[in-house]
Amino acid sequence: QVQLVESGGGSVQPGGSLRLSCAGSGFTLDYDPIAWFRQAPGKEREGVACIGSSAGSTYYADSVKGRFTISRDFAEDTVNLQMNRLRADDTAVYYCMKGRHYKLWCPNVVTDPSSATADFASSWGQGTRVTVSS
């Protein structure tokens, strides 16, 4: 079973920053498309950011554009989500997901997550909790 492991969550005040990491459990990420999703209490899971297999191909939900940055760390073999200027509505459990090498997967993740599910290439992990509160 292909699964990813998320880490880096925590509690932070509004305006603060956190850096989440996603690593493969027993496999390398290489250039696999990787997305970050989040699920807030009582809400559906939403796509937050995605990095494709091509260099520079990153995609963001409108709600996080300009505040979050997704990137690959090839030395650590992780995909990271740098979250700045955090707000209370960023509070959620964050998950990462591996996608198939399909050119529309990342755009679908951030615009229509339900259409991206058909191309999921891993199972959901435990997630990492982010709480933004004063």
Foldseek 3Di string as FASTA:
>chain_A
DKEKDKDWADEEAAQAKTKMKIATDVDFCQLFKKWKWWDDPPGDIATAKIHHSDPPDIDGAPVQPPFWDWDADRVVRIIMIIGGRDDQVVWTFMWMFTFDNDVCLRVCRRPPVVVNPVGTDHDTDPTHTHGYHD
